Amino acid sequence: MRGEASSGFSLVETLVALAVIAAMSALLFDTVSTNAHFAQTVAKRREAVLLAQSLLAATTVSRDSHTVADTGNSHGLNWRITRVARGGGARDSGVPLEEVRISVADSATGRGLTSVRTLRLAR
């Protein structure tokens, strides 16, 4: 009966198939994890950009730019407003300007997420 063809899988074939399935599953889980982390990072940066734009609008539109605090925390984001006088001399056409810069960082890691700046007439 040695000449008969056997039906079914041998133990070695089954173990090789399981090893291939395990390797593919590990790659799939790693890809899904990386994708989830990337999506979370993008969402955090989007929130930081919206916060920075909102603060920039509040700072540049109001008559008294100092009504907005220079630092703060909002929903896990730390922000800082820096104001620097620019221009105002005869060489600079005599128009007093102020540079307003807003930096937003992640509260948990301290890593900077975004920074926006603009020039406005000094008041």
PDB file of N, CA and C in Angstrom:
ATOM      1  N   MET A   1       0.792  -1.192   0.000  1.00  0.00           N
ATOM      2  CA  MET A   1       0.000   0.000   0.000  1.00  0.00           C
ATOM      3  C   MET A   1       0.842   1.267   0.000  1.00  0.00           C
ATOM      4  N   ARG A   2       2.099   1.140  -0.185  1.00  0.00           N
ATOM      5  CA  ARG A   2       2.951   2.322  -0.219  1.00  0.00           C
ATOM      6  C   ARG A   2       2.719   3.157  -1.464  1.00  0.00           C
ATOM      7  N   GLY A   3       2.247   2.651  -2.491  1.00  0.00           N
ATOM      8  CA  GLY A   3       2.066   3.363  -3.736  1.00  0.00           C
ATOM      9  C   GLY A   3       0.813   4.234  -3.772  1.00  0.00           C
ATOM     10  N   GLU A   4      -0.047   4.116  -2.799  1.00  0.00           N
ATOM     11  CA  GLU A   4      -1.286   4.881  -2.813  1.00  0.00           C
ATOM     12  C   GLU A   4      -1.010   6.347  -2.505  1.00  0.00           C
ATOM     13  N   ALA A   5      -1.765   7.226  -3.135  1.00  0.00           N
ATOM     14  CA  ALA A   5      -1.666   8.663  -2.843  1.00  0.00           C
ATOM     15  C   ALA A   5      -2.436   8.955  -1.573  1.00  0.00           C
ATOM     16  N   SER A   6      -1.813   9.758  -0.716  1.00  0.00           N
ATOM     17  CA  SER A   6      -2.493  10.079   0.543  1.00  0.00           C
ATOM     18  C   SER A   6      -3.373  11.297   0.352  1.00  0.00           C
ATOM     19  N   SER A   7      -4.485  11.314   1.031  1.00  0.00           N
ATOM     20  CA  SER A   7      -5.366  12.484   0.966  1.00  0.00           C
ATOM     21  C   SER A   7      -5.183  13.278   2.251  1.00  0.00           C
ATOM     22  N   GLY A   8      -5.255  14.620   2.148  1.00  0.00           N
ATOM     23  CA  GLY A   8      -5.079  15.473   3.313  1.00  0.00           C
ATOM     24  C   GLY A   8      -3.699  16.100   3.320  1.00  0.00           C
ATOM     25  N   PHE A   9      -3.444  16.877   4.367  1.00  0.00           N
ATOM     26  CA  PHE A   9      -2.184  17.594   4.500  1.00  0.00           C
ATOM     27  C   PHE A   9      -1.292  16.915   5.515  1.00  0.00           C
ATOM     28  N   SER A  10      -0.007  17.002   5.281  1.00  0.00           N
ATOM     29  CA  SER A  10       0.930  16.467   6.272  1.00  0.00           C
ATOM     30  C   SER A  10       1.102  17.507   7.375  1.00  0.00           C
ATOM     31  N   LEU A  11       1.696  17.108   8.464  1.00  0.00           N
ATOM     32  CA  LEU A  11       1.900  18.011   9.590  1.00  0.00           C
ATOM     33  C   LEU A  11       2.813  19.168   9.207  1.00  0.00           C
ATOM     34  N   VAL A  12       3.832  18.930   8.402  1.00  0.00           N
ATOM     35  CA  VAL A  12       4.750  19.984   7.975  1.00  0.00           C
ATOM     36  C   VAL A  12       4.009  21.014   7.117  1.00  0.00           C
ATOM     37  N   GLU A  13       3.180  20.565   6.197  1.00  0.00           N
ATOM     38  CA  GLU A  13       2.423  21.498   5.365  1.00  0.00           C
ATOM     39  C   GLU A  13       1.479  22.360   6.199  1.00  0.00           C
ATOM     40  N   THR A  14       0.859  21.770   7.180  1.00  0.00           N
ATOM     41  CA  THR A  14      -0.055  22.509   8.056  1.00  0.00           C
ATOM     42  C   THR A  14       0.703  23.562   8.863  1.00  0.00           C
ATOM     43  N   LEU A  15       1.881  23.204   9.390  1.00  0.00           N
ATOM     44  CA  LEU A  15       2.676  24.162  10.165  1.00  0.00           C
ATOM     45  C   LEU A  15       3.183  25.309   9.294  1.00  0.00           C
ATOM     46  N   VAL A  16       3.578  25.014   8.054  1.00  0.00           N
ATOM     47  CA  VAL A  16       4.025  26.064   7.138  1.00  0.00           C
ATOM     48  C   VAL A  16       2.870  27.010   6.834  1.00  0.00           C
ATOM     49  N   ALA A  17       1.682  26.476   6.590  1.00  0.00           N
ATOM     50  CA  ALA A  17       0.511  27.318   6.315  1.00  0.00           C
ATOM     51  C   ALA A  17       0.188  28.206   7.514  1.00  0.00           C
ATOM     52  N   LEU A  18       0.265  27.672   8.721  1.00  0.00           N
ATOM     53  CA  LEU A  18       0.010  28.461   9.931  1.00  0.00           C
ATOM     54  C   LEU A  18       1.067  29.552  10.116  1.00  0.00           C
ATOM     55  N   ALA A  19       2.310  29.244   9.796  1.00  0.00           N
ATOM     56  CA  ALA A  19       3.379  30.244   9.907  1.00  0.00           C
ATOM     57  C   ALA A  19       3.148  31.388   8.916  1.00  0.00           C
ATOM     58  N   VAL A  20       2.735  31.064   7.708  1.00  0.00           N
ATOM     59  CA  VAL A  20       2.451  32.095   6.703  1.00  0.00           C
ATOM     60  C   VAL A  20       1.274  32.953   7.154  1.00  0.00           C
ATOM     61  N   ILE A  21       0.230  32.340   7.668  1.00  0.00           N
ATOM     62  CA  ILE A  21      -0.936  33.088   8.164  1.00  0.00           C
ATOM     63  C   ILE A  21      -0.537  33.989   9.326  1.00  0.00           C
ATOM     64  N   ALA A  22       0.291  33.499  10.233  1.00  0.00           N
ATOM     65  CA  ALA A  22       0.737  34.308  11.375  1.00  0.00           C
ATOM     66  C   ALA A  22       1.556  35.513  10.916  1.00  0.00           C
ATOM     67  N   ALA A  23       2.444  35.306   9.947  1.00  0.00           N
ATOM     68  CA  ALA A  23       3.268  36.411   9.443  1.00  0.00           C
ATOM     69  C   ALA A  23       2.401  37.454   8.756  1.00  0.00           C
ATOM     70  N   MET A  24       1.447  37.037   7.956  1.00  0.00           N
ATOM     71  CA  MET A  24       0.561  37.978   7.274  1.00  0.00           C
ATOM     72  C   MET A  24      -0.325  38.720   8.276  1.00  0.00           C
ATOM     73  N   SER A  25      -0.783  38.042   9.317  1.00  0.00           N
ATOM     74  CA  SER A  25      -1.591  38.697  10.349  1.00  0.00           C
ATOM     75  C   SER A  25      -0.780  39.756  11.083  1.00  0.00           C
ATOM     76  N   ALA A  26       0.471  39.452  11.384  1.00  0.00           N
ATOM     77  CA  ALA A  26       1.333  40.426  12.065  1.00  0.00           C
ATOM     78  C   ALA A  26       1.532  41.666  11.196  1.00  0.00           C
ATOM     79  N   LEU A  27       1.751  41.492   9.900  1.00  0.00           N
ATOM     80  CA  LEU A  27       1.890  42.629   8.986  1.00  0.00           C
ATOM     81  C   LEU A  27       0.601  43.447   8.922  1.00  0.00           C
ATOM     82  N   LEU A  28      -0.531  42.757   8.884  1.00  0.00           N
ATOM     83  CA  LEU A  28      -1.817  43.448   8.822  1.00  0.00           C
ATOM     84  C   LEU A  28      -2.053  44.268  10.091  1.00  0.00           C
ATOM     85  N   PHE A  29      -1.803  43.703  11.261  1.00  0.00           N
ATOM     86  CA  PHE A  29      -2.010  44.416  12.518  1.00  0.00           C
ATOM     87  C   PHE A  29      -1.061  45.603  12.642  1.00  0.00           C
ATOM     88  N   ASP A  30       0.171  45.441  12.174  1.00  0.00           N
ATOM     89  CA  ASP A  30       1.126  46.551  12.201  1.00  0.00           C
ATOM     90  C   ASP A  30       0.664  47.687  11.299  1.00  0.00           C
ATOM     91  N   THR A  31       0.157  47.345  10.130  1.00  0.00           N
ATOM     92  CA  THR A  31      -0.346  48.364   9.204  1.00  0.00           C
ATOM     93  C   THR A  31      -1.550  49.091   9.782  1.00  0.00           C
ATOM     94  N   VAL A  32      -2.470  48.371  10.371  1.00  0.00           N
ATOM     95  CA  VAL A  32      -3.657  48.983  10.972  1.00  0.00           C
ATOM     96  C   VAL A  32      -3.257  49.886  12.128  1.00  0.00           C
ATOM     97  N   SER A  33      -2.318  49.456  12.944  1.00  0.00           N
ATOM     98  CA  SER A  33      -1.849  50.260  14.072  1.00  0.00           C
ATOM     99  C   SER A  33      -1.175  51.543  13.595  1.00  0.00           C
ATOM    100  N   THR A  34      -0.337  51.438  12.587  1.00  0.00           N
ATOM    101  CA  THR A  34       0.338  52.616  12.036  1.00  0.00           C
ATOM    102  C   THR A  34      -0.673  53.595  11.448  1.00  0.00           C
ATOM    103  N   ASN A  35      -1.663  53.066  10.748  1.00  0.00           N
ATOM    104  CA  ASN A  35      -2.704  53.902  10.167  1.00  0.00           C
ATOM    105  C   ASN A  35      -3.497  54.634  11.249  1.00  0.00           C
ATOM    106  N   ALA A  36      -3.833  53.955  12.324  1.00  0.00           N
ATOM    107  CA  ALA A  36      -4.590  54.579  13.411  1.00  0.00           C
ATOM    108  C   ALA A  36      -3.771  55.681  14.072  1.00  0.00           C
ATOM    109  N   HIS A  37      -2.480  55.432  14.274  1.00  0.00           N
ATOM    110  CA  HIS A  37      -1.612  56.448  14.874  1.00  0.00           C
ATOM    111  C   HIS A  37      -1.496  57.664  13.960  1.00  0.00           C
ATOM    112  N   PHE A  38      -1.342  57.441  12.663  1.00  0.00           N
ATOM    113  CA  PHE A  38      -1.243  58.533  11.702  1.00  0.00           C
ATOM    114  C   PHE A  38      -2.533  59.349  11.671  1.00  0.00           C
ATOM    115  N   ALA A  39      -3.678  58.685  11.701  1.00  0.00           N
ATOM    116  CA  ALA A  39      -4.966  59.385  11.701  1.00  0.00           C
ATOM    117  C   ALA A  39      -5.120  60.235  12.956  1.00  0.00           C
ATOM    118  N   GLN A  40      -4.665  59.723  14.091  1.00  0.00           N
ATOM    119  CA  GLN A  40      -4.737  60.484  15.341  1.00  0.00           C
ATOM    120  C   GLN A  40      -3.826  61.712  15.272  1.00  0.00           C
ATOM    121  N   THR A  41      -2.648  61.569  14.701  1.00  0.00           N
ATOM    122  CA  THR A  41      -1.718  62.689  14.559  1.00  0.00           C
ATOM    123  C   THR A  41      -2.291  63.760  13.638  1.00  0.00           C
ATOM    124  N   VAL A  42      -2.887  63.345  12.544  1.00  0.00           N
ATOM    125  CA  VAL A  42      -3.487  64.295  11.599  1.00  0.00           C
ATOM    126  C   VAL A  42      -4.644  65.041  12.265  1.00  0.00           C
ATOM    127  N   ALA A  43      -5.463  64.335  13.021  1.00  0.00           N
ATOM    128  CA  ALA A  43      -6.588  64.977  13.707  1.00  0.00           C
ATOM    129  C   ALA A  43      -6.085  65.995  14.732  1.00  0.00           C
ATOM    130  N   LYS A  44      -5.017  65.657  15.455  1.00  0.00           N
ATOM    131  CA  LYS A  44      -4.455  66.576  16.451  1.00  0.00           C
ATOM    132  C   LYS A  44      -3.886  67.821  15.767  1.00  0.00           C
ATOM    133  N   ARG A  45      -3.198  67.636  14.651  1.00  0.00           N
ATOM    134  CA  ARG A  45      -2.654  68.792  13.916  1.00  0.00           C
ATOM    135  C   ARG A  45      -3.773  69.666  13.348  1.00  0.00           C
ATOM    136  N   ARG A  46      -4.830  69.048  12.859  1.00  0.00           N
ATOM    137  CA  ARG A  46      -5.961  69.810  12.328  1.00  0.00           C
ATOM    138  C   ARG A  46      -6.581  70.656  13.441  1.00  0.00           C
ATOM    139  N   GLU A  47      -6.743  70.073  14.607  1.00  0.00           N
ATOM    140  CA  GLU A  47      -7.280  70.810  15.750  1.00  0.00           C
ATOM    141  C   GLU A  47      -6.349  71.958  16.146  1.00  0.00           C
ATOM    142  N   ALA A  48      -5.043  71.716  16.089  1.00  0.00           N
ATOM    143  CA  ALA A  48      -4.066  72.758  16.424  1.00  0.00           C
ATOM    144  C   ALA A  48      -4.128  73.909  15.423  1.00  0.00           C
ATOM    145  N   VAL A  49      -4.268  73.601  14.145  1.00  0.00           N
ATOM    146  CA  VAL A  49      -4.357  74.643  13.119  1.00  0.00           C
ATOM    147  C   VAL A  49      -5.620  75.473  13.315  1.00  0.00           C
ATOM    148  N   LEU A  50      -6.739  74.825  13.594  1.00  0.00           N
ATOM    149  CA  LEU A  50      -7.983  75.560  13.826  1.00  0.00           C
ATOM    150  C   LEU A  50      -7.881  76.453  15.061  1.00  0.00           C
ATOM    151  N   LEU A  51      -7.257  75.956  16.121  1.00  0.00           N
ATOM    152  CA  LEU A  51      -7.064  76.766  17.322  1.00  0.00           C
ATOM    153  C   LEU A  51      -6.173  77.967  17.019  1.00  0.00           C
ATOM    154  N   ALA A  52      -5.076  77.744  16.305  1.00  0.00           N
ATOM    155  CA  ALA A  52      -4.161  78.835  15.976  1.00  0.00           C
ATOM    156  C   ALA A  52      -4.846  79.887  15.110  1.00  0.00           C
ATOM    157  N   GLN A  53      -5.608  79.459  14.132  1.00  0.00           N
ATOM    158  CA  GLN A  53      -6.322  80.412  13.283  1.00  0.00           C
ATOM    159  C   GLN A  53      -7.355  81.196  14.080  1.00  0.00           C
ATOM    160  N   SER A  54      -8.034  80.538  14.984  1.00  0.00           N
ATOM    161  CA  SER A  54      -9.023  81.204  15.818  1.00  0.00           C
ATOM    162  C   SER A  54      -8.366  82.245  16.722  1.00  0.00           C
ATOM    163  N   LEU A  55      -7.253  81.877  17.340  1.00  0.00           N
ATOM    164  CA  LEU A  55      -6.536  82.824  18.199  1.00  0.00           C
ATOM    165  C   LEU A  55      -5.971  83.979  17.392  1.00  0.00           C
ATOM    166  N   LEU A  56      -5.476  83.687  16.212  1.00  0.00           N
ATOM    167  CA  LEU A  56      -4.936  84.735  15.354  1.00  0.00           C
ATOM    168  C   LEU A  56      -6.029  85.726  14.964  1.00  0.00           C
ATOM    169  N   ALA A  57      -7.194  85.211  14.624  1.00  0.00           N
ATOM    170  CA  ALA A  57      -8.312  86.092  14.281  1.00  0.00           C
ATOM    171  C   ALA A  57      -8.719  86.935  15.487  1.00  0.00           C
ATOM    172  N   ALA A  58      -8.809  86.331  16.649  1.00  0.00           N
ATOM    173  CA  ALA A  58      -9.195  87.078  17.850  1.00  0.00           C
ATOM    174  C   ALA A  58      -8.160  88.133  18.205  1.00  0.00           C
ATOM    175  N   THR A  59      -6.898  87.827  17.988  1.00  0.00           N
ATOM    176  CA  THR A  59      -5.826  88.756  18.329  1.00  0.00           C
ATOM    177  C   THR A  59      -5.735  89.907  17.343  1.00  0.00           C
ATOM    178  N   THR A  60      -5.934  89.641  16.077  1.00  0.00           N
ATOM    179  CA  THR A  60      -5.743  90.687  15.074  1.00  0.00           C
ATOM    180  C   THR A  60      -6.994  91.524  14.834  1.00  0.00           C
ATOM    181  N   VAL A  61      -8.168  91.013  15.158  1.00  0.00           N
ATOM    182  CA  VAL A  61      -9.400  91.741  14.897  1.00  0.00           C
ATOM    183  C   VAL A  61      -9.761  92.684  16.039  1.00  0.00           C
ATOM    184  N   SER A  62      -9.538  92.253  17.270  1.00  0.00           N
ATOM    185  CA  SER A  62      -9.968  93.085  18.400  1.00  0.00           C
ATOM    186  C   SER A  62      -9.143  94.369  18.470  1.00  0.00           C
ATOM    187  N   ARG A  63      -9.751  95.394  18.989  1.00  0.00           N
ATOM    188  CA  ARG A  63      -9.069  96.688  19.103  1.00  0.00           C
ATOM    189  C   ARG A  63      -7.901  96.600  20.081  1.00  0.00           C
ATOM    190  N   ASP A  64      -8.100  95.887  21.156  1.00  0.00           N
ATOM    191  CA  ASP A  64      -7.034  95.705  22.134  1.00  0.00           C
ATOM    192  C   ASP A  64      -6.567  94.262  22.047  1.00  0.00           C
ATOM    193  N   SER A  65      -5.425  94.038  21.397  1.00  0.00           N
ATOM    194  CA  SER A  65      -4.961  92.666  21.168  1.00  0.00           C
ATOM    195  C   SER A  65      -4.582  91.956  22.461  1.00  0.00           C
ATOM    196  N   HIS A  66      -4.434  92.705  23.536  1.00  0.00           N
ATOM    197  CA  HIS A  66      -4.032  92.083  24.796  1.00  0.00           C
ATOM    198  C   HIS A  66      -5.223  91.555  25.581  1.00  0.00           C
ATOM    199  N   THR A  67      -6.442  91.607  25.012  1.00  0.00           N
ATOM    200  CA  THR A  67      -7.587  90.981  25.666  1.00  0.00           C
ATOM    201  C   THR A  67      -7.487  89.467  25.573  1.00  0.00           C
ATOM    202  N   VAL A  68      -6.716  88.962  24.624  1.00  0.00           N
ATOM    203  CA  VAL A  68      -6.466  87.524  24.498  1.00  0.00           C
ATOM    204  C   VAL A  68      -5.199  87.218  25.289  1.00  0.00           C
ATOM    205  N   ALA A  69      -5.265  86.214  26.164  1.00  0.00           N
ATOM    206  CA  ALA A  69      -4.112  85.862  27.001  1.00  0.00           C
ATOM    207  C   ALA A  69      -2.932  85.419  26.143  1.00  0.00           C
ATOM    208  N   ASP A  70      -1.717  85.639  26.667  1.00  0.00           N
ATOM    209  CA  ASP A  70      -0.505  85.281  25.916  1.00  0.00           C
ATOM    210  C   ASP A  70      -0.229  83.777  25.891  1.00  0.00           C
ATOM    211  N   THR A  71      -0.710  83.056  26.881  1.00  0.00           N
ATOM    212  CA  THR A  71      -0.542  81.601  26.913  1.00  0.00           C
ATOM    213  C   THR A  71      -1.844  80.966  27.382  1.00  0.00           C
ATOM    214  N   GLY A  72      -1.995  79.701  27.064  1.00  0.00           N
ATOM    215  CA  GLY A  72      -3.192  79.005  27.514  1.00  0.00           C
ATOM    216  C   GLY A  72      -3.161  77.544  27.145  1.00  0.00           C
ATOM    217  N   ASN A  73      -4.223  76.851  27.543  1.00  0.00           N
ATOM    218  CA  ASN A  73      -4.364  75.433  27.277  1.00  0.00           C
ATOM    219  C   ASN A  73      -5.802  75.187  26.856  1.00  0.00           C
ATOM    220  N   SER A  74      -5.986  74.434  25.787  1.00  0.00           N
ATOM    221  CA  SER A  74      -7.324  74.129  25.306  1.00  0.00           C
ATOM    222  C   SER A  74      -7.353  72.718  24.737  1.00  0.00           C
ATOM    223  N   HIS A  75      -8.133  71.859  25.350  1.00  0.00           N
ATOM    224  CA  HIS A  75      -8.332  70.483  24.867  1.00  0.00           C
ATOM    225  C   HIS A  75      -7.023  69.753  24.601  1.00  0.00           C
ATOM    226  N   GLY A  76      -6.100  69.811  25.530  1.00  0.00           N
ATOM    227  CA  GLY A  76      -4.833  69.096  25.380  1.00  0.00           C
ATOM    228  C   GLY A  76      -3.812  69.794  24.496  1.00  0.00           C
ATOM    229  N   LEU A  77      -4.051  71.056  24.178  1.00  0.00           N
ATOM    230  CA  LEU A  77      -3.123  71.822  23.354  1.00  0.00           C
ATOM    231  C   LEU A  77      -2.674  73.066  24.118  1.00  0.00           C
ATOM    232  N   ASN A  78      -1.367  73.264  24.206  1.00  0.00           N
ATOM    233  CA  ASN A  78      -0.822  74.486  24.806  1.00  0.00           C
ATOM    234  C   ASN A  78      -0.556  75.481  23.692  1.00  0.00           C
ATOM    235  N   TRP A  79      -0.886  76.759  23.929  1.00  0.00           N
ATOM    236  CA  TRP A  79      -0.622  77.769  22.921  1.00  0.00           C
ATOM    237  C   TRP A  79       0.053  78.967  23.553  1.00  0.00           C
ATOM    238  N   ARG A  80       0.807  79.680  22.709  1.00  0.00           N
ATOM    239  CA  ARG A  80       1.547  80.867  23.143  1.00  0.00           C
ATOM    240  C   ARG A  80       1.461  81.922  22.041  1.00  0.00           C
ATOM    241  N   ILE A  81       1.164  83.152  22.464  1.00  0.00           N
ATOM    242  CA  ILE A  81       1.110  84.279  21.531  1.00  0.00           C
ATOM    243  C   ILE A  81       2.312  85.169  21.803  1.00  0.00           C
ATOM    244  N   THR A  82       3.056  85.484  20.748  1.00  0.00           N
ATOM    245  CA  THR A  82       4.209  86.367  20.841  1.00  0.00           C
ATOM    246  C   THR A  82       3.952  87.577  19.961  1.00  0.00           C
ATOM    247  N   ARG A  83       4.166  88.756  20.523  1.00  0.00           N
ATOM    248  CA  ARG A  83       3.991  89.997  19.766  1.00  0.00           C
ATOM    249  C   ARG A  83       5.329  90.720  19.700  1.00  0.00           C
ATOM    250  N   VAL A  84       5.734  91.127  18.499  1.00  0.00           N
ATOM    251  CA  VAL A  84       7.005  91.821  18.313  1.00  0.00           C
ATOM    252  C   VAL A  84       6.754  93.053  17.456  1.00  0.00           C
ATOM    253  N   ALA A  85       7.217  94.205  17.933  1.00  0.00           N
ATOM    254  CA  ALA A  85       7.068  95.445  17.164  1.00  0.00           C
ATOM    255  C   ALA A  85       7.977  95.398  15.943  1.00  0.00           C
ATOM    256  N   ARG A  86       7.431  95.776  14.798  1.00  0.00           N
ATOM    257  CA  ARG A  86       8.193  95.822  13.551  1.00  0.00           C
ATOM    258  C   ARG A  86       7.923  97.171  12.890  1.00  0.00           C
ATOM    259  N   GLY A  87       8.922  97.719  12.271  1.00  0.00           N
ATOM    260  CA  GLY A  87       8.725  98.946  11.508  1.00  0.00           C
ATOM    261  C   GLY A  87       8.505 100.154  12.400  1.00  0.00           C
ATOM    262  N   GLY A  88       7.945 101.169  11.826  1.00  0.00           N
ATOM    263  CA  GLY A  88       7.667 102.380  12.576  1.00  0.00           C
ATOM    264  C   GLY A  88       8.739 103.434  12.420  1.00  0.00           C
ATOM    265  N   GLY A  89       9.890 103.081  11.856  1.00  0.00           N
ATOM    266  CA  GLY A  89      10.964 104.042  11.651  1.00  0.00           C
ATOM    267  C   GLY A  89      10.821 104.711  10.298  1.00  0.00           C
ATOM    268  N   ALA A  90      11.607 105.759  10.080  1.00  0.00           N
ATOM    269  CA  ALA A  90      11.554 106.483   8.807  1.00  0.00           C
ATOM    270  C   ALA A  90      11.960 105.565   7.651  1.00  0.00           C
ATOM    271  N   ARG A  91      12.893 104.674   7.916  1.00  0.00           N
ATOM    272  CA  ARG A  91      13.350 103.767   6.875  1.00  0.00           C
ATOM    273  C   ARG A  91      12.241 102.771   6.477  1.00  0.00           C
ATOM    274  N   ASP A  92      11.348 102.477   7.392  1.00  0.00           N
ATOM    275  CA  ASP A  92      10.284 101.497   7.159  1.00  0.00           C
ATOM    276  C   ASP A  92       8.964 102.147   6.773  1.00  0.00           C
ATOM    277  N   SER A  93       8.995 103.296   6.186  1.00  0.00           N
ATOM    278  CA  SER A  93       7.829 104.067   5.728  1.00  0.00           C
ATOM    279  C   SER A  93       7.022 104.635   6.891  1.00  0.00           C
ATOM    280  N   GLY A  94       7.514 104.532   8.098  1.00  0.00           N
ATOM    281  CA  GLY A  94       6.859 105.164   9.236  1.00  0.00           C
ATOM    282  C   GLY A  94       5.602 104.478   9.718  1.00  0.00           C
ATOM    283  N   VAL A  95       5.236 103.337   9.171  1.00  0.00           N
ATOM    284  CA  VAL A  95       4.024 102.639   9.594  1.00  0.00           C
ATOM    285  C   VAL A  95       4.395 101.667  10.718  1.00  0.00           C
ATOM    286  N   PRO A  96       3.848 101.887  11.909  1.00  0.00           N
ATOM    287  CA  PRO A  96       4.173 100.974  13.008  1.00  0.00           C
ATOM    288  C   PRO A  96       3.431  99.637  12.844  1.00  0.00           C
ATOM    289  N   LEU A  97       4.187  98.569  12.761  1.00  0.00           N
ATOM    290  CA  LEU A  97       3.616  97.241  12.594  1.00  0.00           C
ATOM    291  C   LEU A  97       3.931  96.377  13.805  1.00  0.00           C
ATOM    292  N   GLU A  98       3.140  95.351  13.956  1.00  0.00           N
ATOM    293  CA  GLU A  98       3.357  94.381  15.029  1.00  0.00           C
ATOM    294  C   GLU A  98       3.230  92.983  14.421  1.00  0.00           C
ATOM    295  N   GLU A  99       4.230  92.152  14.677  1.00  0.00           N
ATOM    296  CA  GLU A  99       4.155  90.754  14.230  1.00  0.00           C
ATOM    297  C   GLU A  99       3.494  89.952  15.333  1.00  0.00           C
ATOM    298  N   VAL A 100       2.459  89.217  14.976  1.00  0.00           N
ATOM    299  CA  VAL A 100       1.759  88.357  15.926  1.00  0.00           C
ATOM    300  C   VAL A 100       2.024  86.917  15.501  1.00  0.00           C
ATOM    301  N   ARG A 101       2.600  86.148  16.418  1.00  0.00           N
ATOM    302  CA  ARG A 101       2.917  84.754  16.127  1.00  0.00           C
ATOM    303  C   ARG A 101       2.252  83.872  17.170  1.00  0.00           C
ATOM    304  N   ILE A 102       1.600  82.806  16.717  1.00  0.00           N
ATOM    305  CA  ILE A 102       0.918  81.877  17.613  1.00  0.00           C
ATOM    306  C   ILE A 102       1.496  80.488  17.385  1.00  0.00           C
ATOM    307  N   SER A 103       1.992  79.897  18.464  1.00  0.00           N
ATOM    308  CA  SER A 103       2.559  78.547  18.412  1.00  0.00           C
ATOM    309  C   SER A 103       1.667  77.623  19.233  1.00  0.00           C
ATOM    310  N   VAL A 104       1.389  76.448  18.692  1.00  0.00           N
ATOM    311  CA  VAL A 104       0.547  75.467  19.371  1.00  0.00           C
ATOM    312  C   VAL A 104       1.338  74.169  19.505  1.00  0.00           C
ATOM    313  N   ALA A 105       1.332  73.612  20.737  1.00  0.00           N
ATOM    314  CA  ALA A 105       2.062  72.366  21.013  1.00  0.00           C
ATOM    315  C   ALA A 105       1.145  71.378  21.720  1.00  0.00           C
ATOM    316  N   ASP A 106       1.476  70.113  21.620  1.00  0.00           N
ATOM    317  CA  ASP A 106       0.736  69.059  22.308  1.00  0.00           C
ATOM    318  C   ASP A 106       1.058  69.125  23.796  1.00  0.00           C
ATOM    319  N   SER A 107       0.038  69.144  24.652  1.00  0.00           N
ATOM    320  CA  SER A 107       0.258  69.234  26.103  1.00  0.00           C
ATOM    321  C   SER A 107       0.979  68.010  26.648  1.00  0.00           C
ATOM    322  N   ALA A 108       0.665  66.851  26.121  1.00  0.00           N
ATOM    323  CA  ALA A 108       1.229  65.608  26.648  1.00  0.00           C
ATOM    324  C   ALA A 108       2.706  65.458  26.307  1.00  0.00           C
ATOM    325  N   THR A 109       3.075  65.759  25.072  1.00  0.00           N
ATOM    326  CA  THR A 109       4.452  65.524  24.635  1.00  0.00           C
ATOM    327  C   THR A 109       5.291  66.793  24.563  1.00  0.00           C
ATOM    328  N   GLY A 110       4.629  67.951  24.482  1.00  0.00           N
ATOM    329  CA  GLY A 110       5.358  69.207  24.341  1.00  0.00           C
ATOM    330  C   GLY A 110       5.842  69.450  22.919  1.00  0.00           C
ATOM    331  N   ARG A 111       5.516  68.560  22.008  1.00  0.00           N
ATOM    332  CA  ARG A 111       5.951  68.680  20.613  1.00  0.00           C
ATOM    333  C   ARG A 111       5.117  69.738  19.895  1.00  0.00           C
ATOM    334  N   GLY A 112       5.796  70.627  19.176  1.00  0.00           N
ATOM    335  CA  GLY A 112       5.108  71.663  18.429  1.00  0.00           C
ATOM    336  C   GLY A 112       4.287  71.080  17.297  1.00  0.00           C
ATOM    337  N   LEU A 113       3.046  71.545  17.167  1.00  0.00           N
ATOM    338  CA  LEU A 113       2.169  71.034  16.116  1.00  0.00           C
ATOM    339  C   LEU A 113       2.016  72.015  14.963  1.00  0.00           C
ATOM    340  N   THR A 114       1.914  73.300  15.280  1.00  0.00           N
ATOM    341  CA  THR A 114       1.775  74.298  14.222  1.00  0.00           C
ATOM    342  C   THR A 114       2.157  75.670  14.750  1.00  0.00           C
ATOM    343  N   SER A 115       2.393  76.560  13.817  1.00  0.00           N
ATOM    344  CA  SER A 115       2.732  77.936  14.155  1.00  0.00           C
ATOM    345  C   SER A 115       2.231  78.821  13.018  1.00  0.00           C
ATOM    346  N   VAL A 116       1.531  79.899  13.371  1.00  0.00           N
ATOM    347  CA  VAL A 116       1.039  80.845  12.373  1.00  0.00           C
ATOM    348  C   VAL A 116       1.473  82.242  12.805  1.00  0.00           C
ATOM    349  N   ARG A 117       1.628  83.123  11.826  1.00  0.00           N
ATOM    350  CA  ARG A 117       2.002  84.491  12.158  1.00  0.00           C
ATOM    351  C   ARG A 117       1.480  85.441  11.093  1.00  0.00           C
ATOM    352  N   THR A 118       1.365  86.695  11.503  1.00  0.00           N
ATOM    353  CA  THR A 118       0.898  87.735  10.603  1.00  0.00           C
ATOM    354  C   THR A 118       1.437  89.090  11.067  1.00  0.00           C
ATOM    355  N   LEU A 119       1.348  90.047  10.194  1.00  0.00           N
ATOM    356  CA  LEU A 119       1.686  91.424  10.541  1.00  0.00           C
ATOM    357  C   LEU A 119       0.389  92.216  10.607  1.00  0.00           C
ATOM    358  N   ARG A 120       0.319  93.141  11.539  1.00  0.00           N
ATOM    359  CA  ARG A 120      -0.844  94.005  11.638  1.00  0.00           C
ATOM    360  C   ARG A 120      -0.394  95.382  12.070  1.00  0.00           C
ATOM    361  N   LEU A 121      -1.239  96.346  11.893  1.00  0.00           N
ATOM    362  CA  LEU A 121      -0.925  97.691  12.351  1.00  0.00           C
ATOM    363  C   LEU A 121      -0.862  97.704  13.862  1.00  0.00           C
ATOM    364  N   ALA A 122       0.181  98.296  14.397  1.00  0.00           N
ATOM    365  CA  ALA A 122       0.326  98.371  15.858  1.00  0.00           C
ATOM    366  C   ALA A 122      -0.669  99.397  16.376  1.00  0.00           C
ATOM    367  N   ARG A 123      -1.178  99.143  17.571  1.00  0.00           N
ATOM    368  CA  ARG A 123      -2.172 100.041  18.150  1.00  0.00           C
ATOM    369  C   ARG A 123      -1.639 100.678  19.397  1.00  0.00           C
TER     370      ARG A 123
END
